[in-house]
Amino acid sequence: MDVKYNDKKQFNLKGNQIFVWKLVYLCFGIFNLAAFLIPKKLSKIEIYATSFFTFTYGVMVDMILDLHYDLYGYFEEGFKCLDL
């Protein structure tokens, strides 16, 4: 992909790249809609427990990688809650 990054922190996308991103968002929406509409064999408590575990596990790993190993210092130092 021919993406240029200038000092103003803006991306210059060509028409073909914009079409690809629209296609990605469309597929994302279709897959999410299908995931919500397909009948599930799990109970609601199992779905909520799995979602809660994955969320807390992700936050815990992000904090460990930042505080212990200092791996989140690419642009600014520290873990950013807005990334969630």
PDB file of N, CA and C in Angstrom:
ATOM      1  N   MET A   1       0.840  -1.173   0.000  1.00  0.00           N
ATOM      2  CA  MET A   1       0.000   0.000   0.000  1.00  0.00           C
ATOM      3  C   MET A   1       0.886   1.237   0.000  1.00  0.00           C
ATOM      4  N   ASP A   2       0.472   2.235  -0.704  1.00  0.00           N
ATOM      5  CA  ASP A   2       1.256   3.448  -0.843  1.00  0.00           C
ATOM      6  C   ASP A   2       0.690   4.515   0.083  1.00  0.00           C
ATOM      7  N   VAL A   3       0.986   4.423   1.373  1.00  0.00           N
ATOM      8  CA  VAL A   3       0.489   5.377   2.350  1.00  0.00           C
ATOM      9  C   VAL A   3       1.645   6.256   2.773  1.00  0.00           C
ATOM     10  N   LYS A   4       1.452   7.564   2.723  1.00  0.00           N
ATOM     11  CA  LYS A   4       2.497   8.505   3.119  1.00  0.00           C
ATOM     12  C   LYS A   4       2.117   9.128   4.460  1.00  0.00           C
ATOM     13  N   TYR A   5       3.098   9.268   5.317  1.00  0.00           N
ATOM     14  CA  TYR A   5       2.886   9.839   6.647  1.00  0.00           C
ATOM     15  C   TYR A   5       3.696  11.111   6.728  1.00  0.00           C
ATOM     16  N   ASN A   6       3.009  12.258   6.836  1.00  0.00           N
ATOM     17  CA  ASN A   6       3.729  13.517   6.874  1.00  0.00           C
ATOM     18  C   ASN A   6       3.768  14.086   8.293  1.00  0.00           C
ATOM     19  N   ASP A   7       4.344  15.268   8.443  1.00  0.00           N
ATOM     20  CA  ASP A   7       4.522  15.869   9.767  1.00  0.00           C
ATOM     21  C   ASP A   7       3.208  16.257  10.430  1.00  0.00           C
ATOM     22  N   LYS A   8       2.148  16.444   9.659  1.00  0.00           N
ATOM     23  CA  LYS A   8       0.858  16.845  10.215  1.00  0.00           C
ATOM     24  C   LYS A   8       0.069  15.663  10.755  1.00  0.00           C
ATOM     25  N   LYS A   9       0.656  14.470  10.749  1.00  0.00           N
ATOM     26  CA  LYS A   9       0.036  13.244  11.248  1.00  0.00           C
ATOM     27  C   LYS A   9      -1.283  12.934  10.535  1.00  0.00           C
ATOM     28  N   GLN A  10      -1.270  13.067   9.234  1.00  0.00           N
ATOM     29  CA  GLN A  10      -2.424  12.728   8.412  1.00  0.00           C
ATOM     30  C   GLN A  10      -1.994  11.702   7.378  1.00  0.00           C
ATOM     31  N   PHE A  11      -2.882  10.792   7.050  1.00  0.00           N
ATOM     32  CA  PHE A  11      -2.591   9.794   6.038  1.00  0.00           C
ATOM     33  C   PHE A  11      -3.201  10.224   4.719  1.00  0.00           C
ATOM     34  N   ASN A  12      -2.445  10.070   3.651  1.00  0.00           N
ATOM     35  CA  ASN A  12      -2.945  10.345   2.309  1.00  0.00           C
ATOM     36  C   ASN A  12      -3.314   9.013   1.672  1.00  0.00           C
ATOM     37  N   LEU A  13      -4.608   8.748   1.577  1.00  0.00           N
ATOM     38  CA  LEU A  13      -5.076   7.485   1.012  1.00  0.00           C
ATOM     39  C   LEU A  13      -5.556   7.703  -0.413  1.00  0.00           C
ATOM     40  N   LYS A  14      -5.288   6.739  -1.258  1.00  0.00           N
ATOM     41  CA  LYS A  14      -5.777   6.785  -2.633  1.00  0.00           C
ATOM     42  C   LYS A  14      -7.152   6.142  -2.689  1.00  0.00           C
ATOM     43  N   GLY A  15      -7.855   6.319  -3.803  1.00  0.00           N
ATOM     44  CA  GLY A  15      -9.217   5.822  -3.958  1.00  0.00           C
ATOM     45  C   GLY A  15      -9.349   4.325  -3.749  1.00  0.00           C
ATOM     46  N   ASN A  16      -8.376   3.557  -4.214  1.00  0.00           N
ATOM     47  CA  ASN A  16      -8.415   2.107  -4.067  1.00  0.00           C
ATOM     48  C   ASN A  16      -8.294   1.704  -2.597  1.00  0.00           C
ATOM     49  N   GLN A  17      -7.463   2.408  -1.852  1.00  0.00           N
ATOM     50  CA  GLN A  17      -7.290   2.104  -0.430  1.00  0.00           C
ATOM     51  C   GLN A  17      -8.549   2.442   0.362  1.00  0.00           C
ATOM     52  N   ILE A  18      -9.223   3.510  -0.010  1.00  0.00           N
ATOM     53  CA  ILE A  18     -10.471   3.872   0.665  1.00  0.00           C
ATOM     54  C   ILE A  18     -11.516   2.787   0.423  1.00  0.00           C
ATOM     55  N   PHE A  19     -11.571   2.261  -0.791  1.00  0.00           N
ATOM     56  CA  PHE A  19     -12.498   1.176  -1.095  1.00  0.00           C
ATOM     57  C   PHE A  19     -12.192  -0.058  -0.252  1.00  0.00           C
ATOM     58  N   VAL A  20     -10.914  -0.369  -0.084  1.00  0.00           N
ATOM     59  CA  VAL A  20     -10.526  -1.533   0.714  1.00  0.00           C
ATOM     60  C   VAL A  20     -10.952  -1.338   2.164  1.00  0.00           C
ATOM     61  N   TRP A  21     -10.750  -0.139   2.709  1.00  0.00           N
ATOM     62  CA  TRP A  21     -11.147   0.108   4.101  1.00  0.00           C
ATOM     63  C   TRP A  21     -12.665   0.046   4.272  1.00  0.00           C
ATOM     64  N   LYS A  22     -13.407   0.536   3.295  1.00  0.00           N
ATOM     65  CA  LYS A  22     -14.866   0.422   3.358  1.00  0.00           C
ATOM     66  C   LYS A  22     -15.283  -1.048   3.328  1.00  0.00           C
ATOM     67  N   LEU A  23     -14.610  -1.848   2.522  1.00  0.00           N
ATOM     68  CA  LEU A  23     -14.893  -3.275   2.458  1.00  0.00           C
ATOM     69  C   LEU A  23     -14.563  -3.962   3.785  1.00  0.00           C
ATOM     70  N   VAL A  24     -13.477  -3.569   4.416  1.00  0.00           N
ATOM     71  CA  VAL A  24     -13.106  -4.135   5.724  1.00  0.00           C
ATOM     72  C   VAL A  24     -14.179  -3.823   6.753  1.00  0.00           C
ATOM     73  N   TYR A  25     -14.626  -2.581   6.805  1.00  0.00           N
ATOM     74  CA  TYR A  25     -15.671  -2.193   7.764  1.00  0.00           C
ATOM     75  C   TYR A  25     -16.990  -2.912   7.479  1.00  0.00           C
ATOM     76  N   LEU A  26     -17.327  -3.071   6.204  1.00  0.00           N
ATOM     77  CA  LEU A  26     -18.548  -3.788   5.842  1.00  0.00           C
ATOM     78  C   LEU A  26     -18.474  -5.245   6.306  1.00  0.00           C
ATOM     79  N   CYS A  27     -17.346  -5.904   6.056  1.00  0.00           N
ATOM     80  CA  CYS A  27     -17.177  -7.300   6.499  1.00  0.00           C
ATOM     81  C   CYS A  27     -17.216  -7.400   8.020  1.00  0.00           C
ATOM     82  N   PHE A  28     -16.596  -6.446   8.694  1.00  0.00           N
ATOM     83  CA  PHE A  28     -16.630  -6.417  10.155  1.00  0.00           C
ATOM     84  C   PHE A  28     -18.066  -6.329  10.664  1.00  0.00           C
ATOM     85  N   GLY A  29     -18.862  -5.467  10.052  1.00  0.00           N
ATOM     86  CA  GLY A  29     -20.264  -5.338  10.457  1.00  0.00           C
ATOM     87  C   GLY A  29     -21.068  -6.595  10.185  1.00  0.00           C
ATOM     88  N   ILE A  30     -20.861  -7.205   9.033  1.00  0.00           N
ATOM     89  CA  ILE A  30     -21.595  -8.430   8.684  1.00  0.00           C
ATOM     90  C   ILE A  30     -21.239  -9.566   9.637  1.00  0.00           C
ATOM     91  N   PHE A  31     -19.944  -9.736   9.932  1.00  0.00           N
ATOM     92  CA  PHE A  31     -19.523 -10.818  10.834  1.00  0.00           C
ATOM     93  C   PHE A  31     -20.043 -10.596  12.251  1.00  0.00           C
ATOM     94  N   ASN A  32     -20.053  -9.356  12.714  1.00  0.00           N
ATOM     95  CA  ASN A  32     -20.606  -9.078  14.041  1.00  0.00           C
ATOM     96  C   ASN A  32     -22.104  -9.326  14.085  1.00  0.00           C
ATOM     97  N   LEU A  33     -22.816  -8.928  13.056  1.00  0.00           N
ATOM     98  CA  LEU A  33     -24.251  -9.171  12.995  1.00  0.00           C
ATOM     99  C   LEU A  33     -24.542 -10.664  12.991  1.00  0.00           C
ATOM    100  N   ALA A  34     -23.774 -11.427  12.228  1.00  0.00           N
ATOM    101  CA  ALA A  34     -23.952 -12.881  12.191  1.00  0.00           C
ATOM    102  C   ALA A  34     -23.652 -13.495  13.553  1.00  0.00           C
ATOM    103  N   ALA A  35     -22.631 -12.993  14.239  1.00  0.00           N
ATOM    104  CA  ALA A  35     -22.273 -13.541  15.551  1.00  0.00           C
ATOM    105  C   ALA A  35     -23.384 -13.301  16.566  1.00  0.00           C
ATOM    106  N   PHE A  36     -24.075 -12.180  16.467  1.00  0.00           N
ATOM    107  CA  PHE A  36     -25.156 -11.902  17.408  1.00  0.00           C
ATOM    108  C   PHE A  36     -26.443 -12.642  17.055  1.00  0.00           C
ATOM    109  N   LEU A  37     -26.664 -12.944  15.780  1.00  0.00           N
ATOM    110  CA  LEU A  37     -27.920 -13.558  15.367  1.00  0.00           C
ATOM    111  C   LEU A  37     -27.908 -15.081  15.367  1.00  0.00           C
ATOM    112  N   ILE A  38     -26.731 -15.684  15.260  1.00  0.00           N
ATOM    113  CA  ILE A  38     -26.644 -17.147  15.243  1.00  0.00           C
ATOM    114  C   ILE A  38     -27.004 -17.685  16.622  1.00  0.00           C
ATOM    115  N   PRO A  39     -27.857 -18.708  16.711  1.00  0.00           N
ATOM    116  CA  PRO A  39     -28.205 -19.267  18.018  1.00  0.00           C
ATOM    117  C   PRO A  39     -26.973 -19.853  18.716  1.00  0.00           C
ATOM    118  N   LYS A  40     -26.882 -19.594  20.007  1.00  0.00           N
ATOM    119  CA  LYS A  40     -25.727 -20.029  20.775  1.00  0.00           C
ATOM    120  C   LYS A  40     -26.072 -21.245  21.625  1.00  0.00           C
ATOM    121  N   LYS A  41     -25.095 -22.116  21.833  1.00  0.00           N
ATOM    122  CA  LYS A  41     -25.283 -23.274  22.693  1.00  0.00           C
ATOM    123  C   LYS A  41     -24.834 -22.977  24.123  1.00  0.00           C
ATOM    124  N   LEU A  42     -24.184 -21.840  24.340  1.00  0.00           N
ATOM    125  CA  LEU A  42     -23.743 -21.454  25.673  1.00  0.00           C
ATOM    126  C   LEU A  42     -24.848 -20.679  26.383  1.00  0.00           C
ATOM    127  N   SER A  43     -24.874 -20.796  27.703  1.00  0.00           N
ATOM    128  CA  SER A  43     -25.825 -19.986  28.462  1.00  0.00           C
ATOM    129  C   SER A  43     -25.287 -18.556  28.578  1.00  0.00           C
ATOM    130  N   LYS A  44     -26.157 -17.641  28.994  1.00  0.00           N
ATOM    131  CA  LYS A  44     -25.746 -16.240  29.093  1.00  0.00           C
ATOM    132  C   LYS A  44     -24.637 -16.055  30.120  1.00  0.00           C
ATOM    133  N   ILE A  45     -24.683 -16.794  31.226  1.00  0.00           N
ATOM    134  CA  ILE A  45     -23.650 -16.644  32.243  1.00  0.00           C
ATOM    135  C   ILE A  45     -22.295 -17.106  31.713  1.00  0.00           C
ATOM    136  N   GLU A  46     -22.272 -18.137  30.870  1.00  0.00           N
ATOM    137  CA  GLU A  46     -21.012 -18.587  30.276  1.00  0.00           C
ATOM    138  C   GLU A  46     -20.454 -17.555  29.302  1.00  0.00           C
ATOM    139  N   ILE A  47     -21.328 -16.920  28.539  1.00  0.00           N
ATOM    140  CA  ILE A  47     -20.898 -15.879  27.605  1.00  0.00           C
ATOM    141  C   ILE A  47     -20.349 -14.683  28.378  1.00  0.00           C
ATOM    142  N   TYR A  48     -21.069 -14.247  29.442  1.00  0.00           N
ATOM    143  CA  TYR A  48     -20.608 -13.110  30.237  1.00  0.00           C
ATOM    144  C   TYR A  48     -19.305 -13.425  30.958  1.00  0.00           C
ATOM    145  N   ALA A  49     -19.168 -14.627  31.491  1.00  0.00           N
ATOM    146  CA  ALA A  49     -17.945 -15.003  32.204  1.00  0.00           C
ATOM    147  C   ALA A  49     -16.752 -15.028  31.251  1.00  0.00           C
ATOM    148  N   THR A  50     -16.947 -15.558  30.057  1.00  0.00           N
ATOM    149  CA  THR A  50     -15.867 -15.601  29.067  1.00  0.00           C
ATOM    150  C   THR A  50     -15.474 -14.194  28.636  1.00  0.00           C
ATOM    151  N   SER A  51     -16.455 -13.336  28.400  1.00  0.00           N
ATOM    152  CA  SER A  51     -16.169 -11.960  28.000  1.00  0.00           C
ATOM    153  C   SER A  51     -15.436 -11.211  29.106  1.00  0.00           C
ATOM    154  N   PHE A  52     -15.879 -11.387  30.353  1.00  0.00           N
ATOM    155  CA  PHE A  52     -15.226 -10.722  31.484  1.00  0.00           C
ATOM    156  C   PHE A  52     -13.788 -11.213  31.641  1.00  0.00           C
ATOM    157  N   PHE A  53     -13.572 -12.518  31.491  1.00  0.00           N
ATOM    158  CA  PHE A  53     -12.224 -13.073  31.607  1.00  0.00           C
ATOM    159  C   PHE A  53     -11.307 -12.515  30.531  1.00  0.00           C
ATOM    160  N   THR A  54     -11.767 -12.480  29.277  1.00  0.00           N
ATOM    161  CA  THR A  54     -10.908 -11.996  28.197  1.00  0.00           C
ATOM    162  C   THR A  54     -10.588 -10.518  28.372  1.00  0.00           C
ATOM    163  N   PHE A  55     -11.563  -9.726  28.841  1.00  0.00           N
ATOM    164  CA  PHE A  55     -11.316  -8.304  29.065  1.00  0.00           C
ATOM    165  C   PHE A  55     -10.286  -8.099  30.171  1.00  0.00           C
ATOM    166  N   THR A  56     -10.479  -8.756  31.312  1.00  0.00           N
ATOM    167  CA  THR A  56      -9.549  -8.575  32.431  1.00  0.00           C
ATOM    168  C   THR A  56      -8.172  -9.150  32.104  1.00  0.00           C
ATOM    169  N   TYR A  57      -8.123 -10.258  31.388  1.00  0.00           N
ATOM    170  CA  TYR A  57      -6.842 -10.837  30.993  1.00  0.00           C
ATOM    171  C   TYR A  57      -6.082  -9.884  30.070  1.00  0.00           C
ATOM    172  N   GLY A  58      -6.773  -9.275  29.113  1.00  0.00           N
ATOM    173  CA  GLY A  58      -6.136  -8.326  28.207  1.00  0.00           C
ATOM    174  C   GLY A  58      -5.601  -7.107  28.929  1.00  0.00           C
ATOM    175  N   VAL A  59      -6.393  -6.553  29.851  1.00  0.00           N
ATOM    176  CA  VAL A  59      -5.938  -5.394  30.616  1.00  0.00           C
ATOM    177  C   VAL A  59      -4.749  -5.771  31.493  1.00  0.00           C
ATOM    178  N   MET A  60      -4.808  -6.949  32.121  1.00  0.00           N
ATOM    179  CA  MET A  60      -3.715  -7.387  32.984  1.00  0.00           C
ATOM    180  C   MET A  60      -2.423  -7.565  32.179  1.00  0.00           C
ATOM    181  N   VAL A  61      -2.504  -8.192  31.019  1.00  0.00           N
ATOM    182  CA  VAL A  61      -1.318  -8.394  30.188  1.00  0.00           C
ATOM    183  C   VAL A  61      -0.762  -7.049  29.723  1.00  0.00           C
ATOM    184  N   ASP A  62      -1.639  -6.124  29.318  1.00  0.00           N
ATOM    185  CA  ASP A  62      -1.176  -4.799  28.906  1.00  0.00           C
ATOM    186  C   ASP A  62      -0.460  -4.080  30.040  1.00  0.00           C
ATOM    187  N   MET A  63      -0.990  -4.166  31.240  1.00  0.00           N
ATOM    188  CA  MET A  63      -0.353  -3.491  32.370  1.00  0.00           C
ATOM    189  C   MET A  63       0.983  -4.143  32.730  1.00  0.00           C
ATOM    190  N   ILE A  64       1.057  -5.459  32.678  1.00  0.00           N
ATOM    191  CA  ILE A  64       2.325  -6.147  32.980  1.00  0.00           C
ATOM    192  C   ILE A  64       3.379  -5.800  31.939  1.00  0.00           C
ATOM    193  N   LEU A  65       2.985  -5.821  30.666  1.00  0.00           N
ATOM    194  CA  LEU A  65       3.941  -5.499  29.618  1.00  0.00           C
ATOM    195  C   LEU A  65       4.410  -4.057  29.701  1.00  0.00           C
ATOM    196  N   ASP A  66       3.561  -3.160  30.218  1.00  0.00           N
ATOM    197  CA  ASP A  66       3.960  -1.767  30.348  1.00  0.00           C
ATOM    198  C   ASP A  66       4.769  -1.534  31.615  1.00  0.00           C
ATOM    199  N   LEU A  67       4.249  -1.923  32.759  1.00  0.00           N
ATOM    200  CA  LEU A  67       4.887  -1.582  34.027  1.00  0.00           C
ATOM    201  C   LEU A  67       6.138  -2.418  34.302  1.00  0.00           C
ATOM    202  N   HIS A  68       6.109  -3.681  33.958  1.00  0.00           N
ATOM    203  CA  HIS A  68       7.243  -4.545  34.280  1.00  0.00           C
ATOM    204  C   HIS A  68       8.306  -4.541  33.178  1.00  0.00           C
ATOM    205  N   TYR A  69       7.873  -4.624  31.925  1.00  0.00           N
ATOM    206  CA  TYR A  69       8.821  -4.728  30.825  1.00  0.00           C
ATOM    207  C   TYR A  69       8.993  -3.441  30.029  1.00  0.00           C
ATOM    208  N   ASP A  70       8.174  -2.419  30.308  1.00  0.00           N
ATOM    209  CA  ASP A  70       8.257  -1.112  29.641  1.00  0.00           C
ATOM    210  C   ASP A  70       8.204  -1.249  28.121  1.00  0.00           C
ATOM    211  N   LEU A  71       7.192  -1.969  27.618  1.00  0.00           N
ATOM    212  CA  LEU A  71       7.060  -2.189  26.179  1.00  0.00           C
ATOM    213  C   LEU A  71       6.066  -1.244  25.500  1.00  0.00           C
ATOM    214  N   TYR A  72       5.478  -0.304  26.251  1.00  0.00           N
ATOM    215  CA  TYR A  72       4.495   0.608  25.663  1.00  0.00           C
ATOM    216  C   TYR A  72       5.043   2.026  25.583  1.00  0.00           C
ATOM    217  N   GLY A  73       6.246   2.208  25.165  1.00  0.00           N
ATOM    218  CA  GLY A  73       6.827   3.539  25.103  1.00  0.00           C
ATOM    219  C   GLY A  73       7.141   3.990  23.701  1.00  0.00           C
ATOM    220  N   TYR A  74       6.354   3.587  22.714  1.00  0.00           N
ATOM    221  CA  TYR A  74       6.686   3.911  21.328  1.00  0.00           C
ATOM    222  C   TYR A  74       6.486   5.395  21.029  1.00  0.00           C
ATOM    223  N   PHE A  75       5.276   5.909  21.264  1.00  0.00           N
ATOM    224  CA  PHE A  75       5.030   7.332  21.030  1.00  0.00           C
ATOM    225  C   PHE A  75       5.177   8.125  22.327  1.00  0.00           C
ATOM    226  N   GLU A  76       4.481   7.687  23.360  1.00  0.00           N
ATOM    227  CA  GLU A  76       4.562   8.324  24.668  1.00  0.00           C
ATOM    228  C   GLU A  76       4.761   7.239  25.707  1.00  0.00           C
ATOM    229  N   GLU A  77       5.340   7.614  26.832  1.00  0.00           N
ATOM    230  CA  GLU A  77       5.614   6.638  27.862  1.00  0.00           C
ATOM    231  C   GLU A  77       4.325   6.244  28.582  1.00  0.00           C
ATOM    232  N   GLY A  78       4.145   4.963  28.833  1.00  0.00           N
ATOM    233  CA  GLY A  78       3.029   4.492  29.650  1.00  0.00           C
ATOM    234  C   GLY A  78       1.895   3.857  28.873  1.00  0.00           C
ATOM    235  N   PHE A  79       1.056   3.161  29.628  1.00  0.00           N
ATOM    236  CA  PHE A  79      -0.126   2.474  29.115  1.00  0.00           C
ATOM    237  C   PHE A  79      -1.268   3.477  28.977  1.00  0.00           C
ATOM    238  N   LYS A  80      -1.983   3.461  27.871  1.00  0.00           N
ATOM    239  CA  LYS A  80      -3.074   4.403  27.624  1.00  0.00           C
ATOM    240  C   LYS A  80      -4.413   3.693  27.711  1.00  0.00           C
ATOM    241  N   CYS A  81      -5.301   4.167  28.569  1.00  0.00           N
ATOM    242  CA  CYS A  81      -6.628   3.571  28.718  1.00  0.00           C
ATOM    243  C   CYS A  81      -7.478   3.804  27.475  1.00  0.00           C
ATOM    244  N   LEU A  82      -7.197   4.816  26.702  1.00  0.00           N
ATOM    245  CA  LEU A  82      -7.974   5.085  25.489  1.00  0.00           C
ATOM    246  C   LEU A  82      -7.771   4.001  24.434  1.00  0.00           C
ATOM    247  N   ASP A  83      -6.692   3.219  24.548  1.00  0.00           N
ATOM    248  CA  ASP A  83      -6.473   2.132  23.606  1.00  0.00           C
ATOM    249  C   ASP A  83      -7.478   1.015  23.766  1.00  0.00           C
ATOM    250  N   LEU A  84      -8.150   0.956  24.894  1.00  0.00           N
ATOM    251  CA  LEU A  84      -9.146  -0.081  25.102  1.00  0.00           C
ATOM    252  C   LEU A  84     -10.331   0.163  24.208  1.00  0.00           C
TER     253      LEU A  84
END
